[in-house]
C-alpha atoms as a PDB file:
ATOM      1  CA  GLN A   1       0.000   0.000   0.000  1.00  0.00           C
ATOM      2  CA  ILE A   2       1.249   3.463  -0.886  1.00  0.00           C
ATOM      3  CA  SER A   3       0.085   6.714   0.655  1.00  0.00           C
ATOM      4  CA  ILE A   4       0.865  10.226  -0.591  1.00  0.00           C
ATOM      5  CA  LYS A   5      -0.157  13.325   1.370  1.00  0.00           C
ATOM      6  CA  SER A   6       0.697  17.022   1.277  1.00  0.00           C
ATOM      7  CA  GLY A   7       1.065  19.487   4.116  1.00  0.00           C
ATOM      8  CA  ALA A   8      -0.761  22.084   2.015  1.00  0.00           C
ATOM      9  CA  ASP A   9      -4.269  22.233   0.570  1.00  0.00           C
ATOM     10  CA  PHE A  10      -4.200  20.625  -2.876  1.00  0.00           C
ATOM     11  CA  ASN A  11      -7.649  21.808  -3.981  1.00  0.00           C
ATOM     12  CA  ASP A  12     -11.162  22.169  -2.531  1.00  0.00           C
ATOM     13  CA  ASN A  13     -11.609  18.380  -2.427  1.00  0.00           C
ATOM     14  CA  TYR A  14      -8.193  17.574  -0.938  1.00  0.00           C
ATOM     15  CA  PRO A  15      -7.294  19.761   2.071  1.00  0.00           C
ATOM     16  CA  ALA A  16      -3.880  19.470   3.743  1.00  0.00           C
ATOM     17  CA  GLY A  17      -3.271  15.953   5.067  1.00  0.00           C
ATOM     18  CA  SER A  18      -5.746  14.284   2.705  1.00  0.00           C
ATOM     19  CA  GLU A  19      -4.855  11.075   0.915  1.00  0.00           C
ATOM     20  CA  LEU A  20      -3.710  12.132  -2.572  1.00  0.00           C
ATOM     21  CA  MET A  21      -2.996   8.686  -4.016  1.00  0.00           C
ATOM     22  CA  PRO A  22      -6.245   8.778  -6.076  1.00  0.00           C
ATOM     23  CA  LEU A  23      -4.689  11.690  -8.013  1.00  0.00           C
ATOM     24  CA  PHE A  24      -1.644   9.622  -9.044  1.00  0.00           C
ATOM     25  CA  VAL A  25      -1.190   6.783 -11.511  1.00  0.00           C
ATOM     26  CA  GLY A  26       1.855   4.590 -11.933  1.00  0.00           C
ATOM     27  CA  GLY A  27       3.866   2.630  -9.432  1.00  0.00           C
ATOM     28  CA  TYR A  28       4.819  -1.008  -9.690  1.00  0.00           C
ATOM     29  CA  GLY A  29       4.267  -2.050 -13.267  1.00  0.00           C
ATOM     30  CA  GLY A  30       2.340   1.149 -13.957  1.00  0.00           C
ATOM     31  CA  ASN A  31       2.486   3.035 -17.202  1.00  0.00           C
ATOM     32  CA  ALA A  32       1.160   6.555 -17.622  1.00  0.00           C
ATOM     33  CA  GLU A  33       1.471   8.441 -20.867  1.00  0.00           C
ATOM     34  CA  GLU A  34       0.058  11.798 -19.785  1.00  0.00           C
ATOM     35  CA  GLY A  35       0.285  13.857 -16.647  1.00  0.00           C
ATOM     36  CA  TYR A  36       2.957  15.324 -14.427  1.00  0.00           C
ATOM     37  CA  PRO A  37       5.883  13.013 -13.540  1.00  0.00           C
ATOM     38  CA  PHE A  38       6.532  12.368  -9.876  1.00  0.00           C
ATOM     39  CA  GLY A  39       9.273   9.846  -9.122  1.00  0.00           C
ATOM     40  CA  ILE A  40       9.616   8.052  -5.806  1.00  0.00           C
ATOM     41  CA  LEU A  41      12.969   6.809  -4.524  1.00  0.00           C
ATOM     42  CA  THR A  42      13.002   4.334  -1.653  1.00  0.00           C
ATOM     43  CA  LEU A  43      16.089   4.091   0.518  1.00  0.00           C
ATOM     44  CA  GLU A  44      17.410   1.295   2.715  1.00  0.00           C
ATOM     45  CA  GLU A  45      18.255   2.154   6.327  1.00  0.00           C
ATOM     46  CA  ASP A  46      21.893   2.651   5.279  1.00  0.00           C
ATOM     47  CA  GLY A  47      20.812   5.198   2.656  1.00  0.00           C
ATOM     48  CA  SER A  48      21.322   2.970  -0.397  1.00  0.00           C
ATOM     49  CA  PRO A  49      18.542   2.987  -3.020  1.00  0.00           C
ATOM     50  CA  VAL A  50      16.116   0.089  -3.324  1.00  0.00           C
ATOM     51  CA  ASP A  51      14.835  -0.837  -6.761  1.00  0.00           C
ATOM     52  CA  TYR A  52      11.324  -2.244  -6.487  1.00  0.00           C
ATOM     53  CA  GLY A  53      10.742  -1.753 -10.205  1.00  0.00           C
ATOM     54  CA  PHE A  54       8.598   1.330  -9.705  1.00  0.00           C
ATOM     55  CA  SER A  55       7.881   3.404 -12.734  1.00  0.00           C
ATOM     56  CA  PRO A  56       7.404   7.123 -12.155  1.00  0.00           C
ATOM     57  CA  PHE A  57       4.176   8.150 -10.528  1.00  0.00           C
ATOM     58  CA  VAL A  58       2.211  10.635 -12.573  1.00  0.00           C
ATOM     59  CA  LEU A  59       0.028  13.330 -11.061  1.00  0.00           C
ATOM     60  CA  ASN A  60      -3.186  13.617 -13.086  1.00  0.00           C
ATOM     61  CA  GLU A  61      -4.268  16.972 -11.689  1.00  0.00           C
ATOM     62  CA  MET A  62      -2.499  20.219 -10.955  1.00  0.00           C
ATOM     63  CA  PRO A  63      -3.028  21.752  -7.514  1.00  0.00           C
ATOM     64  CA  THR A  64      -5.298  24.776  -7.420  1.00  0.00           C
ATOM     65  CA  ALA A  65      -5.146  25.808  -3.751  1.00  0.00           C
ATOM     66  CA  SER A  66      -1.415  25.988  -3.083  1.00  0.00           C
ATOM     67  CA  LYS A  67       1.339  25.886  -5.690  1.00  0.00           C
ATOM     68  CA  ILE A  68       4.061  24.685  -3.308  1.00  0.00           C
ATOM     69  CA  HIS A  69       3.827  21.198  -1.807  1.00  0.00           C
ATOM     70  CA  VAL A  70       5.947  18.948   0.373  1.00  0.00           C
ATOM     71  CA  PHE A  71       4.683  15.416  -0.147  1.00  0.00           C
ATOM     72  CA  SER A  72       4.882  12.734   2.539  1.00  0.00           C
ATOM     73  CA  VAL A  73       5.089   9.288   1.008  1.00  0.00           C
ATOM     74  CA  SER A  74       4.716   6.017   2.866  1.00  0.00           C
ATOM     75  CA  MET A  75       4.718   2.474   1.591  1.00  0.00           C
ATOM     76  CA  THR A  76       3.764  -0.679   3.477  1.00  0.00           C
ATOM     77  CA  LEU A  77       4.777  -4.008   1.950  1.00  0.00           C
ATOM     78  CA  SER A  78       2.702  -7.174   2.219  1.00  0.00           C
ATOM     79  CA  ASP A  79       5.126  -8.559   4.836  1.00  0.00           C
ATOM     80  CA  GLY A  80       4.489  -5.536   7.074  1.00  0.00           C
ATOM     81  CA  ARG A  81       7.736  -3.669   6.429  1.00  0.00           C
ATOM     82  CA  SER A  82       7.125   0.022   5.903  1.00  0.00           C
ATOM     83  CA  TYR A  83       9.113   2.906   4.457  1.00  0.00           C
ATOM     84  CA  SER A  84       8.427   6.611   4.442  1.00  0.00           C
ATOM     85  CA  GLY A  85       9.968   9.865   3.361  1.00  0.00           C
ATOM     86  CA  THR A  86       9.199  13.390   2.283  1.00  0.00           C
ATOM     87  CA  THR A  87      10.016  15.380  -0.790  1.00  0.00           C
ATOM     88  CA  GLY A  88      11.588  18.786  -0.725  1.00  0.00           C
ATOM     89  CA  PRO A  89       9.306  21.696  -1.576  1.00  0.00           C
ATOM     90  CA  LEU A  90       7.873  21.235  -5.076  1.00  0.00           C
ATOM     91  CA  ARG A  91       6.547  24.277  -6.927  1.00  0.00           C
ATOM     92  CA  PHE A  92       3.791  23.737  -9.495  1.00  0.00           C
ATOM     93  CA  GLN A  93       3.314  26.371 -12.180  1.00  0.00           C
END
């Protein structure tokens, strides 16, 4: 399971802290031809990258409330292991 949230209001339907995953396509085995690329990098505890075969996530909608977002991303694997991280500030134009 993957969760993506922003600390800022995305639009009228997605206030700060709302689950934004419905606005994204892609991920494991995903393929999106249109939209706004959003790549996710997962790191091991030692800081080395993990390749789970993720393709870039694509945001299907531009934010209308705030143009600057810091996304919190968490992923829970079927065996219960979980990973999380945040992006730096992303400005949408």
